[in-house]
Amino acid sequence: MEQLVSASLPSRGSFGALLRAGRHRANLSQEQLAARAELSERTVRDLEAGTGRPRADQFPRPAGS
């Protein structure tokens, strides 16, 4: 997941757009991303569509924090 949301993504845009761009860059389906992130496919779909709100406990903490 750390590779999906990285500094190489555009600095502007919604969380969903950034998540989708990172998922596409990693060549993952929503189902594959959901499995790797231990989220439901519906959660990934909702986050990308902007209808879901990301929670801090859904994502791993960066190394060193």
PDB file of N, CA and C in Angstrom:
ATOM      1  N   MET A   1       0.825  -1.191   0.000  1.00  0.00           N
ATOM      2  CA  MET A   1       0.000   0.000   0.000  1.00  0.00           C
ATOM      3  C   MET A   1       0.866   1.250   0.000  1.00  0.00           C
ATOM      4  N   GLU A   2       2.007   1.188   0.700  1.00  0.00           N
ATOM      5  CA  GLU A   2       2.874   2.365   0.749  1.00  0.00           C
ATOM      6  C   GLU A   2       3.279   2.812  -0.646  1.00  0.00           C
ATOM      7  N   GLN A   3       3.442   1.856  -1.561  1.00  0.00           N
ATOM      8  CA  GLN A   3       3.854   2.192  -2.918  1.00  0.00           C
ATOM      9  C   GLN A   3       2.734   2.880  -3.683  1.00  0.00           C
ATOM     10  N   LEU A   4       1.482   2.655  -3.272  1.00  0.00           N
ATOM     11  CA  LEU A   4       0.356   3.194  -4.020  1.00  0.00           C
ATOM     12  C   LEU A   4       0.162   4.679  -3.791  1.00  0.00           C
ATOM     13  N   VAL A   5       0.394   5.124  -2.590  1.00  0.00           N
ATOM     14  CA  VAL A   5       0.227   6.541  -2.264  1.00  0.00           C
ATOM     15  C   VAL A   5       1.629   7.074  -1.993  1.00  0.00           C
ATOM     16  N   SER A   6       2.250   7.577  -3.027  1.00  0.00           N
ATOM     17  CA  SER A   6       3.641   7.988  -2.898  1.00  0.00           C
ATOM     18  C   SER A   6       3.838   9.417  -3.364  1.00  0.00           C
ATOM     19  N   ALA A   7       5.027   9.912  -3.108  1.00  0.00           N
ATOM     20  CA  ALA A   7       5.351  11.284  -3.488  1.00  0.00           C
ATOM     21  C   ALA A   7       5.359  11.470  -4.999  1.00  0.00           C
ATOM     22  N   SER A   8       5.411  10.393  -5.756  1.00  0.00           N
ATOM     23  CA  SER A   8       5.443  10.525  -7.212  1.00  0.00           C
ATOM     24  C   SER A   8       4.068  10.814  -7.810  1.00  0.00           C
ATOM     25  N   LEU A   9       3.010  10.744  -7.009  1.00  0.00           N
ATOM     26  CA  LEU A   9       1.671  11.048  -7.495  1.00  0.00           C
ATOM     27  C   LEU A   9       1.462  12.553  -7.515  1.00  0.00           C
ATOM     28  N   PRO A  10       0.519  13.006  -8.294  1.00  0.00           N
ATOM     29  CA  PRO A  10       0.238  14.447  -8.357  1.00  0.00           C
ATOM     30  C   PRO A  10      -0.112  14.999  -6.983  1.00  0.00           C
ATOM     31  N   SER A  11       0.321  16.221  -6.707  1.00  0.00           N
ATOM     32  CA  SER A  11       0.066  16.820  -5.400  1.00  0.00           C
ATOM     33  C   SER A  11      -1.355  17.345  -5.284  1.00  0.00           C
ATOM     34  N   ARG A  12      -2.042  17.521  -6.384  1.00  0.00           N
ATOM     35  CA  ARG A  12      -3.419  18.015  -6.369  1.00  0.00           C
ATOM     36  C   ARG A  12      -4.374  16.885  -6.705  1.00  0.00           C
ATOM     37  N   GLY A  13      -5.578  17.008  -6.224  1.00  0.00           N
ATOM     38  CA  GLY A  13      -6.604  16.028  -6.546  1.00  0.00           C
ATOM     39  C   GLY A  13      -7.181  15.424  -5.291  1.00  0.00           C
ATOM     40  N   SER A  14      -8.295  14.798  -5.473  1.00  0.00           N
ATOM     41  CA  SER A  14      -8.964  14.171  -4.345  1.00  0.00           C
ATOM     42  C   SER A  14      -8.225  12.909  -3.925  1.00  0.00           C
ATOM     43  N   PHE A  15      -8.513  12.474  -2.702  1.00  0.00           N
ATOM     44  CA  PHE A  15      -7.920  11.230  -2.228  1.00  0.00           C
ATOM     45  C   PHE A  15      -8.275  10.094  -3.180  1.00  0.00           C
ATOM     46  N   GLY A  16      -9.536  10.046  -3.598  1.00  0.00           N
ATOM     47  CA  GLY A  16      -9.978   8.984  -4.494  1.00  0.00           C
ATOM     48  C   GLY A  16      -9.211   8.964  -5.803  1.00  0.00           C
ATOM     49  N   ALA A  17      -8.970  10.141  -6.369  1.00  0.00           N
ATOM     50  CA  ALA A  17      -8.219  10.223  -7.620  1.00  0.00           C
ATOM     51  C   ALA A  17      -6.783   9.768  -7.418  1.00  0.00           C
ATOM     52  N   LEU A  18      -6.200  10.136  -6.307  1.00  0.00           N
ATOM     53  CA  LEU A  18      -4.829   9.707  -6.005  1.00  0.00           C
ATOM     54  C   LEU A  18      -4.764   8.199  -5.783  1.00  0.00           C
ATOM     55  N   LEU A  19      -5.752   7.676  -5.070  1.00  0.00           N
ATOM     56  CA  LEU A  19      -5.796   6.240  -4.820  1.00  0.00           C
ATOM     57  C   LEU A  19      -5.940   5.478  -6.137  1.00  0.00           C
ATOM     58  N   ARG A  20      -6.842   5.926  -6.988  1.00  0.00           N
ATOM     59  CA  ARG A  20      -7.065   5.277  -8.282  1.00  0.00           C
ATOM     60  C   ARG A  20      -5.802   5.338  -9.140  1.00  0.00           C
ATOM     61  N   ALA A  21      -5.151   6.503  -9.173  1.00  0.00           N
ATOM     62  CA  ALA A  21      -3.924   6.638  -9.971  1.00  0.00           C
ATOM     63  C   ALA A  21      -2.844   5.694  -9.468  1.00  0.00           C
ATOM     64  N   GLY A  22      -2.706   5.606  -8.162  1.00  0.00           N
ATOM     65  CA  GLY A  22      -1.710   4.691  -7.595  1.00  0.00           C
ATOM     66  C   GLY A  22      -2.049   3.239  -7.869  1.00  0.00           C
ATOM     67  N   ARG A  23      -3.325   2.912  -7.791  1.00  0.00           N
ATOM     68  CA  ARG A  23      -3.758   1.536  -8.078  1.00  0.00           C
ATOM     69  C   ARG A  23      -3.471   1.192  -9.532  1.00  0.00           C
ATOM     70  N   HIS A  24      -3.773   2.111 -10.430  1.00  0.00           N
ATOM     71  CA  HIS A  24      -3.491   1.872 -11.850  1.00  0.00           C
ATOM     72  C   HIS A  24      -1.989   1.761 -12.093  1.00  0.00           C
ATOM     73  N   ARG A  25      -1.226   2.624 -11.436  1.00  0.00           N
ATOM     74  CA  ARG A  25       0.234   2.584 -11.600  1.00  0.00           C
ATOM     75  C   ARG A  25       0.790   1.232 -11.145  1.00  0.00           C
ATOM     76  N   ALA A  26       0.183   0.673 -10.088  1.00  0.00           N
ATOM     77  CA  ALA A  26       0.615  -0.628  -9.575  1.00  0.00           C
ATOM     78  C   ALA A  26      -0.009  -1.785 -10.354  1.00  0.00           C
ATOM     79  N   ASN A  27      -0.854  -1.448 -11.345  1.00  0.00           N
ATOM     80  CA  ASN A  27      -1.516  -2.451 -12.181  1.00  0.00           C
ATOM     81  C   ASN A  27      -2.342  -3.424 -11.334  1.00  0.00           C
ATOM     82  N   LEU A  28      -3.119  -2.864 -10.407  1.00  0.00           N
ATOM     83  CA  LEU A  28      -3.969  -3.673  -9.534  1.00  0.00           C
ATOM     84  C   LEU A  28      -5.432  -3.394  -9.819  1.00  0.00           C
ATOM     85  N   SER A  29      -6.245  -4.416  -9.681  1.00  0.00           N
ATOM     86  CA  SER A  29      -7.692  -4.222  -9.737  1.00  0.00           C
ATOM     87  C   SER A  29      -8.147  -3.734  -8.359  1.00  0.00           C
ATOM     88  N   GLN A  30      -9.372  -3.258  -8.286  1.00  0.00           N
ATOM     89  CA  GLN A  30      -9.912  -2.866  -6.981  1.00  0.00           C
ATOM     90  C   GLN A  30      -9.932  -4.063  -6.046  1.00  0.00           C
ATOM     91  N   GLU A  31     -10.250  -5.212  -6.571  1.00  0.00           N
ATOM     92  CA  GLU A  31     -10.283  -6.439  -5.764  1.00  0.00           C
ATOM     93  C   GLU A  31      -8.894  -6.762  -5.211  1.00  0.00           C
ATOM     94  N   GLN A  32      -7.867  -6.649  -6.052  1.00  0.00           N
ATOM     95  CA  GLN A  32      -6.499  -6.937  -5.610  1.00  0.00           C
ATOM     96  C   GLN A  32      -6.038  -5.934  -4.555  1.00  0.00           C
ATOM     97  N   LEU A  33      -6.330  -4.655  -4.776  1.00  0.00           N
ATOM     98  CA  LEU A  33      -5.949  -3.642  -3.796  1.00  0.00           C
ATOM     99  C   LEU A  33      -6.653  -3.893  -2.473  1.00  0.00           C
ATOM    100  N   ALA A  34      -7.934  -4.208  -2.541  1.00  0.00           N
ATOM    101  CA  ALA A  34      -8.696  -4.471  -1.323  1.00  0.00           C
ATOM    102  C   ALA A  34      -8.072  -5.623  -0.535  1.00  0.00           C
ATOM    103  N   ALA A  35      -7.691  -6.683  -1.225  1.00  0.00           N
ATOM    104  CA  ALA A  35      -7.085  -7.831  -0.546  1.00  0.00           C
ATOM    105  C   ALA A  35      -5.757  -7.444   0.098  1.00  0.00           C
ATOM    106  N   ARG A  36      -4.943  -6.703  -0.608  1.00  0.00           N
ATOM    107  CA  ARG A  36      -3.637  -6.296  -0.066  1.00  0.00           C
ATOM    108  C   ARG A  36      -3.777  -5.345   1.119  1.00  0.00           C
ATOM    109  N   ALA A  37      -4.772  -4.469   1.055  1.00  0.00           N
ATOM    110  CA  ALA A  37      -4.968  -3.469   2.106  1.00  0.00           C
ATOM    111  C   ALA A  37      -5.875  -3.972   3.226  1.00  0.00           C
ATOM    112  N   GLU A  38      -6.362  -5.209   3.075  1.00  0.00           N
ATOM    113  CA  GLU A  38      -7.280  -5.802   4.048  1.00  0.00           C
ATOM    114  C   GLU A  38      -8.519  -4.930   4.236  1.00  0.00           C
ATOM    115  N   LEU A  39      -9.060  -4.484   3.104  1.00  0.00           N
ATOM    116  CA  LEU A  39     -10.293  -3.706   3.051  1.00  0.00           C
ATOM    117  C   LEU A  39     -11.265  -4.456   2.159  1.00  0.00           C
ATOM    118  N   SER A  40     -12.524  -4.093   2.229  1.00  0.00           N
ATOM    119  CA  SER A  40     -13.475  -4.692   1.303  1.00  0.00           C
ATOM    120  C   SER A  40     -13.343  -4.014  -0.058  1.00  0.00           C
ATOM    121  N   GLU A  41     -13.738  -4.732  -1.091  1.00  0.00           N
ATOM    122  CA  GLU A  41     -13.717  -4.146  -2.429  1.00  0.00           C
ATOM    123  C   GLU A  41     -14.658  -2.945  -2.481  1.00  0.00           C
ATOM    124  N   ARG A  42     -15.758  -3.023  -1.773  1.00  0.00           N
ATOM    125  CA  ARG A  42     -16.703  -1.902  -1.729  1.00  0.00           C
ATOM    126  C   ARG A  42     -16.054  -0.663  -1.120  1.00  0.00           C
ATOM    127  N   THR A  43     -15.238  -0.846  -0.078  1.00  0.00           N
ATOM    128  CA  THR A  43     -14.557   0.290   0.545  1.00  0.00           C
ATOM    129  C   THR A  43     -13.623   0.958  -0.450  1.00  0.00           C
ATOM    130  N   VAL A  44     -12.855   0.157  -1.184  1.00  0.00           N
ATOM    131  CA  VAL A  44     -11.942   0.714  -2.191  1.00  0.00           C
ATOM    132  C   VAL A  44     -12.744   1.464  -3.249  1.00  0.00           C
ATOM    133  N   ARG A  45     -13.824   0.865  -3.716  1.00  0.00           N
ATOM    134  CA  ARG A  45     -14.670   1.501  -4.732  1.00  0.00           C
ATOM    135  C   ARG A  45     -15.236   2.826  -4.216  1.00  0.00           C
ATOM    136  N   ASP A  46     -15.728   2.827  -2.971  1.00  0.00           N
ATOM    137  CA  ASP A  46     -16.285   4.043  -2.379  1.00  0.00           C
ATOM    138  C   ASP A  46     -15.221   5.120  -2.186  1.00  0.00           C
ATOM    139  N   LEU A  47     -14.029   4.727  -1.754  1.00  0.00           N
ATOM    140  CA  LEU A  47     -12.951   5.698  -1.574  1.00  0.00           C
ATOM    141  C   LEU A  47     -12.580   6.336  -2.909  1.00  0.00           C
ATOM    142  N   GLU A  48     -12.470   5.526  -3.947  1.00  0.00           N
ATOM    143  CA  GLU A  48     -12.116   6.052  -5.267  1.00  0.00           C
ATOM    144  C   GLU A  48     -13.211   6.966  -5.815  1.00  0.00           C
ATOM    145  N   ALA A  49     -14.453   6.631  -5.526  1.00  0.00           N
ATOM    146  CA  ALA A  49     -15.578   7.426  -6.032  1.00  0.00           C
ATOM    147  C   ALA A  49     -15.811   8.685  -5.206  1.00  0.00           C
ATOM    148  N   GLY A  50     -15.164   8.776  -4.066  1.00  0.00           N
ATOM    149  CA  GLY A  50     -15.345   9.942  -3.214  1.00  0.00           C
ATOM    150  C   GLY A  50     -16.567   9.846  -2.320  1.00  0.00           C
ATOM    151  N   THR A  51     -17.210   8.675  -2.288  1.00  0.00           N
ATOM    152  CA  THR A  51     -18.375   8.503  -1.428  1.00  0.00           C
ATOM    153  C   THR A  51     -18.007   7.910  -0.080  1.00  0.00           C
ATOM    154  N   GLY A  52     -16.781   7.443   0.053  1.00  0.00           N
ATOM    155  CA  GLY A  52     -16.280   6.930   1.326  1.00  0.00           C
ATOM    156  C   GLY A  52     -15.245   7.883   1.878  1.00  0.00           C
ATOM    157  N   ARG A  53     -15.122   7.881   3.193  1.00  0.00           N
ATOM    158  CA  ARG A  53     -14.125   8.742   3.833  1.00  0.00           C
ATOM    159  C   ARG A  53     -12.997   7.879   4.376  1.00  0.00           C
ATOM    160  N   PRO A  54     -11.760   8.191   4.003  1.00  0.00           N
ATOM    161  CA  PRO A  54     -10.638   7.400   4.519  1.00  0.00           C
ATOM    162  C   PRO A  54     -10.469   7.615   6.016  1.00  0.00           C
ATOM    163  N   ARG A  55     -10.146   6.535   6.714  1.00  0.00           N
ATOM    164  CA  ARG A  55      -9.863   6.600   8.154  1.00  0.00           C
ATOM    165  C   ARG A  55      -8.406   6.214   8.366  1.00  0.00           C
ATOM    166  N   ALA A  56      -7.777   6.822   9.337  1.00  0.00           N
ATOM    167  CA  ALA A  56      -6.364   6.579   9.609  1.00  0.00           C
ATOM    168  C   ALA A  56      -6.081   5.093   9.880  1.00  0.00           C
ATOM    169  N   ASP A  57      -7.029   4.395  10.506  1.00  0.00           N
ATOM    170  CA  ASP A  57      -6.788   2.996  10.844  1.00  0.00           C
ATOM    171  C   ASP A  57      -6.903   2.067   9.633  1.00  0.00           C
ATOM    172  N   GLN A  58      -7.272   2.587   8.476  1.00  0.00           N
ATOM    173  CA  GLN A  58      -7.376   1.766   7.269  1.00  0.00           C
ATOM    174  C   GLN A  58      -6.048   1.644   6.525  1.00  0.00           C
ATOM    175  N   PHE A  59      -5.084   2.460   6.892  1.00  0.00           N
ATOM    176  CA  PHE A  59      -3.845   2.503   6.131  1.00  0.00           C
ATOM    177  C   PHE A  59      -2.642   2.348   7.050  1.00  0.00           C
ATOM    178  N   PRO A  60      -1.604   1.670   6.567  1.00  0.00           N
ATOM    179  CA  PRO A  60      -0.405   1.489   7.390  1.00  0.00           C
ATOM    180  C   PRO A  60       0.311   2.818   7.643  1.00  0.00           C
ATOM    181  N   ARG A  61       0.969   2.880   8.778  1.00  0.00           N
ATOM    182  CA  ARG A  61       1.762   4.071   9.093  1.00  0.00           C
ATOM    183  C   ARG A  61       3.067   4.033   8.309  1.00  0.00           C
ATOM    184  N   PRO A  62       3.543   5.188   7.891  1.00  0.00           N
ATOM    185  CA  PRO A  62       4.833   5.235   7.183  1.00  0.00           C
ATOM    186  C   PRO A  62       5.962   4.729   8.087  1.00  0.00           C
ATOM    187  N   ALA A  63       6.962   4.162   7.494  1.00  0.00           N
ATOM    188  CA  ALA A  63       8.115   3.679   8.243  1.00  0.00           C
ATOM    189  C   ALA A  63       8.738   4.822   9.048  1.00  0.00           C
ATOM    190  N   GLY A  64       9.115   4.524  10.259  1.00  0.00           N
ATOM    191  CA  GLY A  64       9.774   5.526  11.100  1.00  0.00           C
ATOM    192  C   GLY A  64       8.829   6.426  11.863  1.00  0.00           C
ATOM    193  N   SER A  65       7.547   6.166  11.800  1.00  0.00           N
ATOM    194  CA  SER A  65       6.625   7.052  12.538  1.00  0.00           C
ATOM    195  C   SER A  65       6.007   6.329  13.720  1.00  0.00           C
TER     196      SER A  65
END
